[in-house]
Amino acid sequence: MQAVTLLAEAADLARRLDYTLREEYLDGAGGGHCFFGGKKWLLLDVTQSVDEQLSVITDALRTDDAVWRMPVSPQLAGMIRVSRAA
């Protein structure tokens, strides 16, 4: 599955899990996720590559147990399960 398709699936999944997604021009500073004001937030840096944005979303989804109660493609599920080596 192409990275663009996976990014769209991951973003849709995050929205279904009540994340508020913000796509901002951050000049390569990177995005992230947090819980603020009673909401789950995902901030994507649109200057980053599709793979980098996908990594930000999968990092957030990896911390959310509710993700496994949702339909997820095998490719995206594999990305969520994998944690980064130090």
C-alpha atoms as a PDB file:
ATOM      1  CA  MET A   1       0.000   0.000   0.000  1.00  0.00           C
ATOM      2  CA  GLN A   2       1.334   3.436  -0.880  1.00  0.00           C
ATOM      3  CA  ALA A   3       2.393   5.831   1.869  1.00  0.00           C
ATOM      4  CA  VAL A   4      -0.165   8.459   0.783  1.00  0.00           C
ATOM      5  CA  THR A   5      -2.977   5.913   1.125  1.00  0.00           C
ATOM      6  CA  LEU A   6      -1.683   4.831   4.537  1.00  0.00           C
ATOM      7  CA  LEU A   7      -1.468   8.465   5.655  1.00  0.00           C
ATOM      8  CA  ALA A   8      -5.095   9.034   4.641  1.00  0.00           C
ATOM      9  CA  GLU A   9      -6.192   5.868   6.455  1.00  0.00           C
ATOM     10  CA  ALA A  10      -4.228   6.797   9.579  1.00  0.00           C
ATOM     11  CA  ALA A  11      -5.630  10.346   9.610  1.00  0.00           C
ATOM     12  CA  ASP A  12      -9.171   9.009   9.194  1.00  0.00           C
ATOM     13  CA  LEU A  13      -8.620   6.515  12.001  1.00  0.00           C
ATOM     14  CA  ALA A  14      -7.272   9.248  14.275  1.00  0.00           C
ATOM     15  CA  ARG A  15     -10.337  11.399  13.600  1.00  0.00           C
ATOM     16  CA  ARG A  16     -12.637   8.442  14.370  1.00  0.00           C
ATOM     17  CA  LEU A  17     -10.766   8.121  17.671  1.00  0.00           C
ATOM     18  CA  ASP A  18     -11.590  11.774  18.428  1.00  0.00           C
ATOM     19  CA  TYR A  19      -8.203  13.291  17.655  1.00  0.00           C
ATOM     20  CA  THR A  20      -8.286  16.854  16.396  1.00  0.00           C
ATOM     21  CA  LEU A  21      -5.839  17.072  13.497  1.00  0.00           C
ATOM     22  CA  ARG A  22      -4.072  20.322  12.668  1.00  0.00           C
ATOM     23  CA  GLU A  23      -1.981  20.580   9.551  1.00  0.00           C
ATOM     24  CA  GLU A  24       0.384  23.531   9.836  1.00  0.00           C
ATOM     25  CA  TYR A  25       3.417  24.938   8.060  1.00  0.00           C
ATOM     26  CA  LEU A  26       6.110  24.437  10.707  1.00  0.00           C
ATOM     27  CA  ASP A  27       9.141  24.746   8.425  1.00  0.00           C
ATOM     28  CA  GLY A  28      10.419  21.258   9.216  1.00  0.00           C
ATOM     29  CA  ALA A  29      10.110  21.557  13.003  1.00  0.00           C
ATOM     30  CA  GLY A  30       7.996  18.400  13.087  1.00  0.00           C
ATOM     31  CA  GLY A  31       4.647  17.555  14.546  1.00  0.00           C
ATOM     32  CA  GLY A  32       3.473  15.579  17.527  1.00  0.00           C
ATOM     33  CA  HIS A  33       0.537  14.644  19.685  1.00  0.00           C
ATOM     34  CA  CYS A  34      -0.764  15.688  23.082  1.00  0.00           C
ATOM     35  CA  PHE A  35      -3.812  15.799  25.325  1.00  0.00           C
ATOM     36  CA  PHE A  36      -4.844  19.391  26.057  1.00  0.00           C
ATOM     37  CA  GLY A  37      -8.099  20.980  27.196  1.00  0.00           C
ATOM     38  CA  GLY A  38      -9.804  17.610  27.394  1.00  0.00           C
ATOM     39  CA  LYS A  39      -9.017  16.836  23.744  1.00  0.00           C
ATOM     40  CA  LYS A  40      -6.560  14.625  21.901  1.00  0.00           C
ATOM     41  CA  TRP A  41      -4.507  16.681  19.427  1.00  0.00           C
ATOM     42  CA  LEU A  42      -2.330  15.729  16.472  1.00  0.00           C
ATOM     43  CA  LEU A  43      -0.184  18.405  14.876  1.00  0.00           C
ATOM     44  CA  LEU A  44       1.243  17.617  11.438  1.00  0.00           C
ATOM     45  CA  ASP A  45       3.992  19.660   9.820  1.00  0.00           C
ATOM     46  CA  VAL A  46       3.003  19.886   6.144  1.00  0.00           C
ATOM     47  CA  THR A  47       6.621  20.590   5.183  1.00  0.00           C
ATOM     48  CA  GLN A  48       7.575  17.080   6.309  1.00  0.00           C
ATOM     49  CA  SER A  49       7.417  14.066   4.017  1.00  0.00           C
ATOM     50  CA  VAL A  50       4.397  11.787   3.898  1.00  0.00           C
ATOM     51  CA  ASP A  51       6.413   9.126   5.752  1.00  0.00           C
ATOM     52  CA  GLU A  52       7.310  11.571   8.535  1.00  0.00           C
ATOM     53  CA  GLN A  53       3.689  12.700   8.912  1.00  0.00           C
ATOM     54  CA  LEU A  54       2.565   9.067   8.952  1.00  0.00           C
ATOM     55  CA  SER A  55       5.089   8.382  11.699  1.00  0.00           C
ATOM     56  CA  VAL A  56       3.632  11.193  13.837  1.00  0.00           C
ATOM     57  CA  ILE A  57       0.142   9.733  13.501  1.00  0.00           C
ATOM     58  CA  THR A  58       1.175   6.125  14.130  1.00  0.00           C
ATOM     59  CA  ASP A  59       3.150   7.216  17.209  1.00  0.00           C
ATOM     60  CA  ALA A  60      -0.049   8.750  18.598  1.00  0.00           C
ATOM     61  CA  LEU A  61      -2.238   5.794  17.646  1.00  0.00           C
ATOM     62  CA  ARG A  62       0.218   3.409  19.285  1.00  0.00           C
ATOM     63  CA  THR A  63      -0.578   5.033  22.666  1.00  0.00           C
ATOM     64  CA  ASP A  64      -4.362   4.700  22.232  1.00  0.00           C
ATOM     65  CA  ASP A  65      -5.790   1.313  23.275  1.00  0.00           C
ATOM     66  CA  ALA A  66      -9.047   2.083  21.454  1.00  0.00           C
ATOM     67  CA  VAL A  67      -7.246   1.738  18.116  1.00  0.00           C
ATOM     68  CA  TRP A  68      -7.590  -2.056  18.250  1.00  0.00           C
ATOM     69  CA  ARG A  69     -11.398  -1.840  18.459  1.00  0.00           C
ATOM     70  CA  MET A  70     -11.474  -0.158  15.045  1.00  0.00           C
ATOM     71  CA  PRO A  71     -11.074  -1.702  11.592  1.00  0.00           C
ATOM     72  CA  VAL A  72      -7.466  -1.225  10.500  1.00  0.00           C
ATOM     73  CA  SER A  73      -5.698  -2.471   7.368  1.00  0.00           C
ATOM     74  CA  PRO A  74      -2.981  -5.057   7.962  1.00  0.00           C
ATOM     75  CA  GLN A  75      -0.353  -2.610   6.677  1.00  0.00           C
ATOM     76  CA  LEU A  76      -1.364   0.166   9.073  1.00  0.00           C
ATOM     77  CA  ALA A  77      -1.749  -2.298  11.953  1.00  0.00           C
ATOM     78  CA  GLY A  78       1.834  -3.424  11.367  1.00  0.00           C
ATOM     79  CA  MET A  79       3.078   0.159  11.478  1.00  0.00           C
ATOM     80  CA  ILE A  80       1.207   0.856  14.713  1.00  0.00           C
ATOM     81  CA  ARG A  81       2.540  -2.281  16.404  1.00  0.00           C
ATOM     82  CA  VAL A  82       6.172  -1.571  15.593  1.00  0.00           C
ATOM     83  CA  SER A  83       7.911   0.618  18.121  1.00  0.00           C
ATOM     84  CA  ARG A  84      11.108   2.430  17.314  1.00  0.00           C
ATOM     85  CA  ALA A  85      14.389   1.066  18.534  1.00  0.00           C
ATOM     86  CA  ALA A  86      16.446   3.381  20.684  1.00  0.00           C
END
